[in-house]
Amino acid sequence: MEASNHTRVSEFNMQGLFDHPHLQGLFFGTVLCLFVVAIKGNSLIILAIVFHPPLHTPMYFFIANLALIDILCTSAILPKMMQNLMLGKKTISFDGCMAQLFTFTLSCGTELVLLTAMALDRYMAICRPLRYVTVMTKSVCITLAAIVWAVGAINSLVHTLLMLRLNFCGPNFIQHFFCEIPPLLALSCTSTYLNEVMVFIADVFLAMGNFLLTGTSYAFIIISILKIQSSEGKRRAFSTCSSHLVVVALYYSAIIYTYIRPTSSYSLDKDKLVAVLYTLVTPALNPLIYSLRNKEVKVAFRKILPLERVSLKRNRLDFVTTTVIQTRSS
């Protein structure tokens, strides 16, 4: 087919996550709860780290960046999903799809690099404790964070621009609940060879490369912990990195399954379930993982939550006062 005969679709229809129309109210409530938990939990993590001085350390600085990434990921996907559930439709405009693809790919790639930076921080803290303070300075942490976000942004921009050069001339049915690279490539009526090559390169350097760096860091960390004589010392050392290990295991298992394979092996049911893990469940769980066994974060939460309640009461009082004034004036 000639390129001139291609018709660019204006919107995509999506398979969606749920296939039972009579249960859309329940599904909407579930997605809304996950969205609120993810946004609220990660926002509290950021506020706790910003306003509680004992948390002004490199480890918590990176955790705040991770919380910001989780907010970005859920905000890119869940609001549109909830809108479609509310309106009883499963469509997204072409431009909206590309924006969603860019934002999701940005959060995904950035998180992969950030988890490596966090592993490096734990390696320095446990394996090189005498040099930790001099190496992991504020300027070094900011530089690492800037590199992390820059790599994620460049990776996302490349994939989005390559997607924009493709022709989508029908069908326009995305077998997924959001715009992701594999299901979109399956819809293109032009060659996706360059896209698949760039996806493979990103897989090698971002997914596998960072996975190997993170795994190597934790191999040295575990060896160092095993050399500690006291059981209390081992417990304290392991507690500083156990939360990060759980997050790494959850995230990498889903990402590697989704992207380290050819597009032809794409499976709707399995891939949707795995995508739920790293787009809905993990962002909601991360704040719990980092706070449940962390005394400092719990102390910070106890300081912030009363202030938040006071702020909510003030906002409600202001709303009621404004409503009364407007009613009297009318």
C-alpha atoms as a PDB file:
ATOM      1  CA  MET A   1       0.000   0.000   0.000  1.00  0.00           C
ATOM      2  CA  GLU A   2       1.345   3.451  -0.890  1.00  0.00           C
ATOM      3  CA  ALA A   3       2.024   5.882   1.894  1.00  0.00           C
ATOM      4  CA  SER A   4      -0.335   8.384   0.243  1.00  0.00           C
ATOM      5  CA  ASN A   5      -3.228   5.953   0.568  1.00  0.00           C
ATOM      6  CA  HIS A   6      -2.789   5.633   4.332  1.00  0.00           C
ATOM      7  CA  THR A   7      -5.434   7.297   6.482  1.00  0.00           C
ATOM      8  CA  ARG A   8      -4.270   8.398   9.916  1.00  0.00           C
ATOM      9  CA  VAL A   9      -6.745   7.418  12.612  1.00  0.00           C
ATOM     10  CA  SER A  10      -8.068  10.229  14.810  1.00  0.00           C
ATOM     11  CA  GLU A  11      -8.763   8.037  17.839  1.00  0.00           C
ATOM     12  CA  PHE A  12      -8.234   4.545  19.184  1.00  0.00           C
ATOM     13  CA  ASN A  13     -10.681   2.146  20.777  1.00  0.00           C
ATOM     14  CA  MET A  14      -9.271   0.223  23.725  1.00  0.00           C
ATOM     15  CA  GLN A  15      -9.958  -3.271  24.985  1.00  0.00           C
ATOM     16  CA  GLY A  16     -10.007  -1.937  28.515  1.00  0.00           C
ATOM     17  CA  LEU A  17      -9.134  -3.780  31.671  1.00  0.00           C
ATOM     18  CA  PHE A  18     -12.630  -5.021  32.506  1.00  0.00           C
ATOM     19  CA  ASP A  19     -15.048  -6.826  30.185  1.00  0.00           C
ATOM     20  CA  HIS A  20     -18.236  -6.862  32.277  1.00  0.00           C
ATOM     21  CA  PRO A  21     -20.422  -3.769  31.625  1.00  0.00           C
ATOM     22  CA  HIS A  22     -22.813  -4.537  34.493  1.00  0.00           C
ATOM     23  CA  LEU A  23     -19.911  -4.311  36.977  1.00  0.00           C
ATOM     24  CA  GLN A  24     -18.512  -0.992  35.753  1.00  0.00           C
ATOM     25  CA  GLY A  25     -19.557   0.777  38.960  1.00  0.00           C
ATOM     26  CA  LEU A  26     -17.561  -1.694  41.048  1.00  0.00           C
ATOM     27  CA  PHE A  27     -14.595  -1.452  38.675  1.00  0.00           C
ATOM     28  CA  PHE A  28     -14.709   2.345  38.786  1.00  0.00           C
ATOM     29  CA  GLY A  29     -14.690   2.284  42.592  1.00  0.00           C
ATOM     30  CA  THR A  30     -11.724  -0.118  42.622  1.00  0.00           C
ATOM     31  CA  VAL A  31      -9.681   1.983  40.196  1.00  0.00           C
ATOM     32  CA  LEU A  32     -10.586   5.172  42.080  1.00  0.00           C
ATOM     33  CA  CYS A  33      -9.441   3.632  45.379  1.00  0.00           C
ATOM     34  CA  LEU A  34      -6.128   2.563  43.844  1.00  0.00           C
ATOM     35  CA  PHE A  35      -5.659   6.013  42.335  1.00  0.00           C
ATOM     36  CA  VAL A  36      -6.383   7.785  45.644  1.00  0.00           C
ATOM     37  CA  VAL A  37      -4.107   5.411  47.575  1.00  0.00           C
ATOM     38  CA  ALA A  38      -1.260   5.886  45.074  1.00  0.00           C
ATOM     39  CA  ILE A  39      -1.543   9.686  44.924  1.00  0.00           C
ATOM     40  CA  LYS A  40      -2.168  10.141  48.641  1.00  0.00           C
ATOM     41  CA  GLY A  41       0.505   7.677  49.754  1.00  0.00           C
ATOM     42  CA  ASN A  42       3.232   8.981  47.459  1.00  0.00           C
ATOM     43  CA  SER A  43       2.345  12.599  48.235  1.00  0.00           C
ATOM     44  CA  LEU A  44       2.670  11.868  51.958  1.00  0.00           C
ATOM     45  CA  ILE A  45       6.061  10.248  51.340  1.00  0.00           C
ATOM     46  CA  ILE A  46       7.262  13.389  49.537  1.00  0.00           C
ATOM     47  CA  LEU A  47       5.878  15.713  52.228  1.00  0.00           C
ATOM     48  CA  ALA A  48       7.401  13.604  55.000  1.00  0.00           C
ATOM     49  CA  ILE A  49      10.830  13.727  53.358  1.00  0.00           C
ATOM     50  CA  VAL A  50      10.626  17.460  52.632  1.00  0.00           C
ATOM     51  CA  PHE A  51       9.410  18.604  56.056  1.00  0.00           C
ATOM     52  CA  HIS A  52      11.115  16.100  58.403  1.00  0.00           C
ATOM     53  CA  PRO A  53      14.856  16.992  58.710  1.00  0.00           C
ATOM     54  CA  PRO A  54      16.011  13.493  59.810  1.00  0.00           C
ATOM     55  CA  LEU A  55      14.878  12.276  56.374  1.00  0.00           C
ATOM     56  CA  HIS A  56      17.143  14.731  54.537  1.00  0.00           C
ATOM     57  CA  THR A  57      19.529  11.976  53.447  1.00  0.00           C
ATOM     58  CA  PRO A  58      20.479  10.589  50.014  1.00  0.00           C
ATOM     59  CA  MET A  59      18.354   7.459  50.450  1.00  0.00           C
ATOM     60  CA  TYR A  60      15.174   9.420  51.152  1.00  0.00           C
ATOM     61  CA  PHE A  61      15.988  11.954  48.455  1.00  0.00           C
ATOM     62  CA  PHE A  62      15.855   9.119  45.913  1.00  0.00           C
ATOM     63  CA  ILE A  63      12.712   7.690  47.526  1.00  0.00           C
ATOM     64  CA  ALA A  64      11.040  11.094  47.037  1.00  0.00           C
ATOM     65  CA  ASN A  65      11.972  10.924  43.348  1.00  0.00           C
ATOM     66  CA  LEU A  66      10.503   7.418  43.163  1.00  0.00           C
ATOM     67  CA  ALA A  67       7.265   8.667  44.734  1.00  0.00           C
ATOM     68  CA  LEU A  68       7.112  11.464  42.149  1.00  0.00           C
ATOM     69  CA  ILE A  69       7.558   8.927  39.343  1.00  0.00           C
ATOM     70  CA  ASP A  70       4.734   6.780  40.744  1.00  0.00           C
ATOM     71  CA  ILE A  71       2.441   9.815  40.835  1.00  0.00           C
ATOM     72  CA  LEU A  72       3.350  10.569  37.209  1.00  0.00           C
ATOM     73  CA  CYS A  73       2.677   6.965  36.136  1.00  0.00           C
ATOM     74  CA  THR A  74      -0.747   6.654  37.772  1.00  0.00           C
ATOM     75  CA  SER A  75      -1.778  10.159  36.634  1.00  0.00           C
ATOM     76  CA  ALA A  76      -0.990   9.217  33.028  1.00  0.00           C
ATOM     77  CA  ILE A  77      -3.219   6.129  33.001  1.00  0.00           C
ATOM     78  CA  LEU A  78      -5.873   5.960  35.718  1.00  0.00           C
ATOM     79  CA  PRO A  79      -7.786   9.254  35.115  1.00  0.00           C
ATOM     80  CA  LYS A  80      -8.482   8.306  31.478  1.00  0.00           C
ATOM     81  CA  MET A  81      -9.469   4.794  32.540  1.00  0.00           C
ATOM     82  CA  MET A  82     -11.898   6.211  35.121  1.00  0.00           C
ATOM     83  CA  GLN A  83     -13.335   8.663  32.572  1.00  0.00           C
ATOM     84  CA  ASN A  84     -14.040   5.825  30.152  1.00  0.00           C
ATOM     85  CA  LEU A  85     -15.620   3.731  32.902  1.00  0.00           C
ATOM     86  CA  MET A  86     -17.809   6.666  33.945  1.00  0.00           C
ATOM     87  CA  LEU A  87     -18.928   7.449  30.387  1.00  0.00           C
ATOM     88  CA  GLY A  88     -19.276   3.808  29.371  1.00  0.00           C
ATOM     89  CA  LYS A  89     -16.810   4.062  26.492  1.00  0.00           C
ATOM     90  CA  LYS A  90     -13.275   2.926  25.767  1.00  0.00           C
ATOM     91  CA  THR A  91     -11.749   5.493  23.417  1.00  0.00           C
ATOM     92  CA  ILE A  92      -8.743   7.788  23.428  1.00  0.00           C
ATOM     93  CA  SER A  93      -7.754  10.400  20.862  1.00  0.00           C
ATOM     94  CA  PHE A  94      -4.601   9.904  18.806  1.00  0.00           C
ATOM     95  CA  ASP A  95      -2.906  12.903  20.446  1.00  0.00           C
ATOM     96  CA  GLY A  96      -4.067  11.759  23.873  1.00  0.00           C
ATOM     97  CA  CYS A  97      -2.669   8.300  23.168  1.00  0.00           C
ATOM     98  CA  MET A  98       0.722   9.728  22.190  1.00  0.00           C
ATOM     99  CA  ALA A  99       0.758  11.927  25.308  1.00  0.00           C
ATOM    100  CA  GLN A 100      -0.087   8.912  27.456  1.00  0.00           C
ATOM    101  CA  LEU A 101       2.616   6.869  25.737  1.00  0.00           C
ATOM    102  CA  PHE A 102       5.225   9.590  26.338  1.00  0.00           C
ATOM    103  CA  THR A 103       4.304  10.060  30.008  1.00  0.00           C
ATOM    104  CA  PHE A 104       4.152   6.352  30.778  1.00  0.00           C
ATOM    105  CA  THR A 105       7.429   5.617  28.954  1.00  0.00           C
ATOM    106  CA  LEU A 106       9.042   8.541  30.795  1.00  0.00           C
ATOM    107  CA  SER A 107       8.008   7.188  34.191  1.00  0.00           C
ATOM    108  CA  CYS A 108       8.960   3.626  33.242  1.00  0.00           C
ATOM    109  CA  GLY A 109      12.449   4.431  31.922  1.00  0.00           C
ATOM    110  CA  THR A 110      13.184   6.921  34.696  1.00  0.00           C
ATOM    111  CA  GLU A 111      12.259   4.402  37.381  1.00  0.00           C
ATOM    112  CA  LEU A 112      14.588   1.789  35.922  1.00  0.00           C
ATOM    113  CA  VAL A 113      17.564   4.164  36.137  1.00  0.00           C
ATOM    114  CA  LEU A 114      16.485   5.505  39.535  1.00  0.00           C
ATOM    115  CA  LEU A 115      16.397   2.010  41.062  1.00  0.00           C
ATOM    116  CA  THR A 116      20.036   1.626  39.995  1.00  0.00           C
ATOM    117  CA  ALA A 117      20.957   4.947  41.618  1.00  0.00           C
ATOM    118  CA  MET A 118      19.220   3.799  44.799  1.00  0.00           C
ATOM    119  CA  ALA A 119      21.145   0.515  44.710  1.00  0.00           C
ATOM    120  CA  LEU A 120      24.401   2.491  44.328  1.00  0.00           C
ATOM    121  CA  ASP A 121      23.453   4.587  47.351  1.00  0.00           C
ATOM    122  CA  ARG A 122      22.839   1.440  49.458  1.00  0.00           C
ATOM    123  CA  TYR A 123      26.115  -0.067  48.201  1.00  0.00           C
ATOM    124  CA  MET A 124      28.071   2.970  49.352  1.00  0.00           C
ATOM    125  CA  ALA A 125      26.238   3.084  52.718  1.00  0.00           C
ATOM    126  CA  ILE A 126      26.823  -0.599  53.565  1.00  0.00           C
ATOM    127  CA  CYS A 127      29.986  -1.574  51.687  1.00  0.00           C
ATOM    128  CA  ARG A 128      31.864   1.762  51.902  1.00  0.00           C
ATOM    129  CA  PRO A 129      30.459   3.397  55.064  1.00  0.00           C
ATOM    130  CA  LEU A 130      33.588   5.480  55.788  1.00  0.00           C
ATOM    131  CA  ARG A 131      33.435   7.124  52.357  1.00  0.00           C
ATOM    132  CA  TYR A 132      29.641   7.411  52.186  1.00  0.00           C
ATOM    133  CA  VAL A 133      29.340  10.934  53.604  1.00  0.00           C
ATOM    134  CA  THR A 134      32.110  12.334  51.399  1.00  0.00           C
ATOM    135  CA  VAL A 135      30.938  10.602  48.200  1.00  0.00           C
ATOM    136  CA  MET A 136      27.131  10.879  48.430  1.00  0.00           C
ATOM    137  CA  THR A 137      27.031  14.641  48.900  1.00  0.00           C
ATOM    138  CA  LYS A 138      24.045  16.848  48.136  1.00  0.00           C
ATOM    139  CA  SER A 139      25.505  17.966  44.799  1.00  0.00           C
ATOM    140  CA  VAL A 140      26.254  14.370  43.770  1.00  0.00           C
ATOM    141  CA  CYS A 141      22.691  13.286  44.611  1.00  0.00           C
ATOM    142  CA  ILE A 142      21.183  16.179  42.636  1.00  0.00           C
ATOM    143  CA  THR A 143      23.461  15.389  39.686  1.00  0.00           C
ATOM    144  CA  LEU A 144      22.471  11.713  39.789  1.00  0.00           C
ATOM    145  CA  ALA A 145      18.779  12.638  39.919  1.00  0.00           C
ATOM    146  CA  ALA A 146      19.199  15.017  36.967  1.00  0.00           C
ATOM    147  CA  ILE A 147      20.914  12.261  34.951  1.00  0.00           C
ATOM    148  CA  VAL A 148      18.157   9.799  35.880  1.00  0.00           C
ATOM    149  CA  TRP A 149      15.387  12.127  34.677  1.00  0.00           C
ATOM    150  CA  ALA A 150      17.337  13.145  31.553  1.00  0.00           C
ATOM    151  CA  VAL A 151      17.871   9.520  30.497  1.00  0.00           C
ATOM    152  CA  GLY A 152      14.187   8.760  31.056  1.00  0.00           C
ATOM    153  CA  ALA A 153      13.073  11.837  29.099  1.00  0.00           C
ATOM    154  CA  ILE A 154      15.378  11.155  26.136  1.00  0.00           C
ATOM    155  CA  ASN A 155      14.305   7.500  25.986  1.00  0.00           C
ATOM    156  CA  SER A 156      10.634   8.472  26.088  1.00  0.00           C
ATOM    157  CA  LEU A 157      11.050  11.191  23.458  1.00  0.00           C
ATOM    158  CA  VAL A 158      12.801   8.816  21.052  1.00  0.00           C
ATOM    159  CA  HIS A 159      10.097   6.155  21.315  1.00  0.00           C
ATOM    160  CA  THR A 160       7.270   8.689  20.988  1.00  0.00           C
ATOM    161  CA  LEU A 161       8.787  10.356  17.921  1.00  0.00           C
ATOM    162  CA  LEU A 162       9.347   6.965  16.297  1.00  0.00           C
ATOM    163  CA  MET A 163       5.721   6.081  17.014  1.00  0.00           C
ATOM    164  CA  LEU A 164       4.540   9.342  15.429  1.00  0.00           C
ATOM    165  CA  ARG A 165       6.269   8.472  12.137  1.00  0.00           C
ATOM    166  CA  LEU A 166       4.190   5.300  11.780  1.00  0.00           C
ATOM    167  CA  ASN A 167       0.915   5.094   9.871  1.00  0.00           C
ATOM    168  CA  PHE A 168      -2.176   3.711  11.578  1.00  0.00           C
ATOM    169  CA  CYS A 169      -4.753   3.049   8.878  1.00  0.00           C
ATOM    170  CA  GLY A 170      -6.993   0.572  10.694  1.00  0.00           C
ATOM    171  CA  PRO A 171      -7.912  -1.346  12.645  1.00  0.00           C
ATOM    172  CA  ASN A 172      -7.672   1.136  15.504  1.00  0.00           C
ATOM    173  CA  PHE A 173      -8.483  -1.289  18.328  1.00  0.00           C
ATOM    174  CA  ILE A 174      -5.813  -1.371  21.065  1.00  0.00           C
ATOM    175  CA  GLN A 175      -5.812  -4.688  22.877  1.00  0.00           C
ATOM    176  CA  HIS A 176      -4.875  -3.081  26.174  1.00  0.00           C
ATOM    177  CA  PHE A 177      -6.240  -0.636  28.752  1.00  0.00           C
ATOM    178  CA  PHE A 178      -3.734   2.131  27.928  1.00  0.00           C
ATOM    179  CA  CYS A 179      -1.363   3.195  25.157  1.00  0.00           C
ATOM    180  CA  GLU A 180       1.786   1.107  25.422  1.00  0.00           C
ATOM    181  CA  ILE A 181       4.456   0.362  22.810  1.00  0.00           C
ATOM    182  CA  PRO A 182       3.793  -3.353  22.005  1.00  0.00           C
ATOM    183  CA  PRO A 183       0.019  -3.099  21.310  1.00  0.00           C
ATOM    184  CA  LEU A 184       0.479   0.108  19.297  1.00  0.00           C
ATOM    185  CA  LEU A 185       3.174  -1.443  17.108  1.00  0.00           C
ATOM    186  CA  ALA A 186       0.798  -4.313  16.389  1.00  0.00           C
ATOM    187  CA  LEU A 187      -1.661  -1.814  14.827  1.00  0.00           C
ATOM    188  CA  SER A 188       0.752  -0.094  12.454  1.00  0.00           C
ATOM    189  CA  CYS A 189       0.253  -0.679   8.739  1.00  0.00           C
ATOM    190  CA  THR A 190       3.849   0.354   7.971  1.00  0.00           C
ATOM    191  CA  SER A 191       7.158  -1.203   8.934  1.00  0.00           C
ATOM    192  CA  THR A 192       7.904  -1.134  12.668  1.00  0.00           C
ATOM    193  CA  TYR A 193      11.446  -2.471  12.259  1.00  0.00           C
ATOM    194  CA  LEU A 194      13.181   0.704  13.493  1.00  0.00           C
ATOM    195  CA  ASN A 195      10.799   0.944  16.444  1.00  0.00           C
ATOM    196  CA  GLU A 196      11.471  -2.651  17.451  1.00  0.00           C
ATOM    197  CA  VAL A 197      15.217  -2.121  17.127  1.00  0.00           C
ATOM    198  CA  MET A 198      15.056   0.913  19.426  1.00  0.00           C
ATOM    199  CA  VAL A 199      12.853  -0.984  21.880  1.00  0.00           C
ATOM    200  CA  PHE A 200      15.424  -3.786  21.908  1.00  0.00           C
ATOM    201  CA  ILE A 201      18.281  -1.312  22.474  1.00  0.00           C
ATOM    202  CA  ALA A 202      16.327   0.307  25.314  1.00  0.00           C
ATOM    203  CA  ASP A 203      15.673  -3.153  26.769  1.00  0.00           C
ATOM    204  CA  VAL A 204      19.368  -3.997  26.709  1.00  0.00           C
ATOM    205  CA  PHE A 205      20.638  -0.732  28.185  1.00  0.00           C
ATOM    206  CA  LEU A 206      17.751   0.364  30.403  1.00  0.00           C
ATOM    207  CA  ALA A 207      16.145  -2.879  31.543  1.00  0.00           C
ATOM    208  CA  MET A 208      18.905  -5.502  31.394  1.00  0.00           C
ATOM    209  CA  GLY A 209      21.784  -3.063  31.944  1.00  0.00           C
ATOM    210  CA  ASN A 210      20.249  -1.483  35.022  1.00  0.00           C
ATOM    211  CA  PHE A 211      19.074  -4.875  36.265  1.00  0.00           C
ATOM    212  CA  LEU A 212      22.645  -6.205  36.121  1.00  0.00           C
ATOM    213  CA  LEU A 213      24.036  -3.112  37.858  1.00  0.00           C
ATOM    214  CA  THR A 214      21.381  -3.315  40.559  1.00  0.00           C
ATOM    215  CA  GLY A 215      21.890  -7.071  40.988  1.00  0.00           C
ATOM    216  CA  THR A 216      25.680  -6.646  41.204  1.00  0.00           C
ATOM    217  CA  SER A 217      25.313  -3.906  43.817  1.00  0.00           C
ATOM    218  CA  TYR A 218      23.094  -6.108  45.952  1.00  0.00           C
ATOM    219  CA  ALA A 219      25.404  -9.090  45.573  1.00  0.00           C
ATOM    220  CA  PHE A 220      28.179  -7.006  47.175  1.00  0.00           C
ATOM    221  CA  ILE A 221      25.718  -5.673  49.769  1.00  0.00           C
ATOM    222  CA  ILE A 222      24.628  -9.172  50.802  1.00  0.00           C
ATOM    223  CA  ILE A 223      28.258 -10.335  51.025  1.00  0.00           C
ATOM    224  CA  SER A 224      29.083  -7.345  53.258  1.00  0.00           C
ATOM    225  CA  ILE A 225      26.050  -7.994  55.483  1.00  0.00           C
ATOM    226  CA  LEU A 226      27.011 -11.669  55.918  1.00  0.00           C
ATOM    227  CA  LYS A 227      30.465 -10.568  57.123  1.00  0.00           C
ATOM    228  CA  ILE A 228      28.946  -8.580  59.999  1.00  0.00           C
ATOM    229  CA  GLN A 229      29.527 -10.483  63.250  1.00  0.00           C
ATOM    230  CA  SER A 230      26.517  -9.473  65.361  1.00  0.00           C
ATOM    231  CA  SER A 231      22.996 -10.569  64.439  1.00  0.00           C
ATOM    232  CA  GLU A 232      21.693  -7.123  65.423  1.00  0.00           C
ATOM    233  CA  GLY A 233      24.162  -5.485  63.040  1.00  0.00           C
ATOM    234  CA  LYS A 234      23.059  -7.789  60.228  1.00  0.00           C
ATOM    235  CA  ARG A 235      19.403  -7.032  60.927  1.00  0.00           C
ATOM    236  CA  ARG A 236      19.954  -3.255  60.917  1.00  0.00           C
ATOM    237  CA  ALA A 237      22.040  -3.370  57.741  1.00  0.00           C
ATOM    238  CA  PHE A 238      19.511  -5.519  55.906  1.00  0.00           C
ATOM    239  CA  SER A 239      16.569  -3.364  57.068  1.00  0.00           C
ATOM    240  CA  THR A 240      18.039  -0.356  55.243  1.00  0.00           C
ATOM    241  CA  CYS A 241      17.820  -2.119  51.861  1.00  0.00           C
ATOM    242  CA  SER A 242      15.076  -4.745  52.236  1.00  0.00           C
ATOM    243  CA  SER A 243      12.316  -2.342  51.131  1.00  0.00           C
ATOM    244  CA  HIS A 244      14.269  -1.410  48.013  1.00  0.00           C
ATOM    245  CA  LEU A 245      14.834  -5.094  47.212  1.00  0.00           C
ATOM    246  CA  VAL A 246      11.085  -5.762  47.322  1.00  0.00           C
ATOM    247  CA  VAL A 247      10.374  -2.806  44.996  1.00  0.00           C
ATOM    248  CA  VAL A 248      13.115  -3.913  42.576  1.00  0.00           C
ATOM    249  CA  ALA A 249      11.785  -7.483  42.474  1.00  0.00           C
ATOM    250  CA  LEU A 250       8.194  -6.378  41.818  1.00  0.00           C
ATOM    251  CA  TYR A 251       9.090  -3.844  39.151  1.00  0.00           C
ATOM    252  CA  TYR A 252      11.734  -5.733  37.186  1.00  0.00           C
ATOM    253  CA  SER A 253       9.765  -8.987  37.045  1.00  0.00           C
ATOM    254  CA  ALA A 254       6.895  -7.160  35.318  1.00  0.00           C
ATOM    255  CA  ILE A 255       9.040  -4.989  33.019  1.00  0.00           C
ATOM    256  CA  ILE A 256      11.274  -7.816  31.812  1.00  0.00           C
ATOM    257  CA  TYR A 257       8.262 -10.023  31.079  1.00  0.00           C
ATOM    258  CA  THR A 258       6.553  -7.259  29.083  1.00  0.00           C
ATOM    259  CA  TYR A 259       9.446  -5.903  27.027  1.00  0.00           C
ATOM    260  CA  ILE A 260      12.197  -8.524  26.733  1.00  0.00           C
ATOM    261  CA  ARG A 261      10.477 -10.459  23.953  1.00  0.00           C
ATOM    262  CA  PRO A 262       9.356  -9.918  20.340  1.00  0.00           C
ATOM    263  CA  THR A 263       6.113  -8.067  19.576  1.00  0.00           C
ATOM    264  CA  SER A 264       4.702 -11.171  17.862  1.00  0.00           C
ATOM    265  CA  SER A 265       4.486 -12.974  21.222  1.00  0.00           C
ATOM    266  CA  TYR A 266       2.209 -10.309  22.684  1.00  0.00           C
ATOM    267  CA  SER A 267      -0.599 -11.947  24.731  1.00  0.00           C
ATOM    268  CA  LEU A 268      -3.611  -9.832  25.724  1.00  0.00           C
ATOM    269  CA  ASP A 269      -4.751 -11.528  28.913  1.00  0.00           C
ATOM    270  CA  LYS A 270      -1.319 -12.203  30.429  1.00  0.00           C
ATOM    271  CA  ASP A 271       0.096  -8.801  29.507  1.00  0.00           C
ATOM    272  CA  LYS A 272      -2.868  -6.896  30.916  1.00  0.00           C
ATOM    273  CA  LEU A 273      -2.493  -8.684  34.244  1.00  0.00           C
ATOM    274  CA  VAL A 274       1.237  -7.930  34.366  1.00  0.00           C
ATOM    275  CA  ALA A 275       0.615  -4.294  33.358  1.00  0.00           C
ATOM    276  CA  VAL A 276      -1.793  -3.946  36.298  1.00  0.00           C
ATOM    277  CA  LEU A 277       1.124  -4.819  38.572  1.00  0.00           C
ATOM    278  CA  TYR A 278       3.436  -1.996  37.499  1.00  0.00           C
ATOM    279  CA  THR A 279       0.822   0.662  36.671  1.00  0.00           C
ATOM    280  CA  LEU A 280      -1.763   0.255  39.442  1.00  0.00           C
ATOM    281  CA  VAL A 281      -0.565  -2.041  42.214  1.00  0.00           C
ATOM    282  CA  THR A 282       3.123  -1.107  42.570  1.00  0.00           C
ATOM    283  CA  PRO A 283       2.573   2.699  42.789  1.00  0.00           C
ATOM    284  CA  ALA A 284      -0.023   2.070  45.503  1.00  0.00           C
ATOM    285  CA  LEU A 285       2.184  -0.408  47.388  1.00  0.00           C
ATOM    286  CA  ASN A 286       5.487   1.509  47.269  1.00  0.00           C
ATOM    287  CA  PRO A 287       4.528   4.023  50.012  1.00  0.00           C
ATOM    288  CA  LEU A 288       3.466   1.125  52.260  1.00  0.00           C
ATOM    289  CA  ILE A 289       6.651  -0.819  51.547  1.00  0.00           C
ATOM    290  CA  TYR A 290       8.855   2.147  52.442  1.00  0.00           C
ATOM    291  CA  SER A 291       6.889   3.212  55.531  1.00  0.00           C
ATOM    292  CA  LEU A 292       5.675   0.056  57.305  1.00  0.00           C
ATOM    293  CA  ARG A 293       9.078  -0.927  58.737  1.00  0.00           C
ATOM    294  CA  ASN A 294      10.598   2.546  58.859  1.00  0.00           C
ATOM    295  CA  LYS A 295      10.385   4.344  62.200  1.00  0.00           C
ATOM    296  CA  GLU A 296      11.572   7.715  60.872  1.00  0.00           C
ATOM    297  CA  VAL A 297       8.913   7.776  58.142  1.00  0.00           C
ATOM    298  CA  LYS A 298       6.231   6.845  60.686  1.00  0.00           C
ATOM    299  CA  VAL A 299       7.357   9.709  62.944  1.00  0.00           C
ATOM    300  CA  ALA A 300       7.213  12.091  59.975  1.00  0.00           C
ATOM    301  CA  PHE A 301       3.706  10.852  59.071  1.00  0.00           C
ATOM    302  CA  ARG A 302       2.508  11.496  62.641  1.00  0.00           C
ATOM    303  CA  LYS A 303       3.731  15.079  62.343  1.00  0.00           C
ATOM    304  CA  ILE A 304       2.239  15.706  58.902  1.00  0.00           C
ATOM    305  CA  LEU A 305      -1.181  14.044  59.230  1.00  0.00           C
ATOM    306  CA  PRO A 306      -2.459  16.359  62.020  1.00  0.00           C
ATOM    307  CA  LEU A 307      -1.423  19.380  59.952  1.00  0.00           C
ATOM    308  CA  GLU A 308      -3.206  17.926  56.938  1.00  0.00           C
ATOM    309  CA  ARG A 309      -6.373  17.381  58.973  1.00  0.00           C
ATOM    310  CA  VAL A 310      -6.266  20.991  60.164  1.00  0.00           C
ATOM    311  CA  SER A 311      -5.809  22.150  56.569  1.00  0.00           C
ATOM    312  CA  LEU A 312      -8.796  20.062  55.436  1.00  0.00           C
ATOM    313  CA  LYS A 313     -10.955  21.478  58.241  1.00  0.00           C
ATOM    314  CA  ARG A 314      -9.958  25.022  57.265  1.00  0.00           C
ATOM    315  CA  ASN A 315     -10.756  24.352  53.617  1.00  0.00           C
ATOM    316  CA  ARG A 316     -14.166  22.951  54.575  1.00  0.00           C
ATOM    317  CA  LEU A 317     -14.844  25.932  56.847  1.00  0.00           C
ATOM    318  CA  ASP A 318     -13.838  28.362  54.084  1.00  0.00           C
ATOM    319  CA  PHE A 319     -16.099  26.525  51.631  1.00  0.00           C
ATOM    320  CA  VAL A 320     -19.068  26.633  54.015  1.00  0.00           C
ATOM    321  CA  THR A 321     -18.473  30.316  54.801  1.00  0.00           C
ATOM    322  CA  THR A 322     -18.242  31.217  51.117  1.00  0.00           C
ATOM    323  CA  THR A 323     -21.416  29.254  50.356  1.00  0.00           C
ATOM    324  CA  VAL A 324     -23.328  31.007  53.166  1.00  0.00           C
ATOM    325  CA  ILE A 325     -22.174  34.449  52.020  1.00  0.00           C
ATOM    326  CA  GLN A 326     -23.107  33.720  48.411  1.00  0.00           C
ATOM    327  CA  THR A 327     -26.516  32.423  49.519  1.00  0.00           C
ATOM    328  CA  ARG A 328     -27.236  35.527  51.595  1.00  0.00           C
ATOM    329  CA  SER A 329     -26.082  37.886  48.878  1.00  0.00           C
ATOM    330  CA  SER A 330     -28.309  36.186  46.297  1.00  0.00           C
END
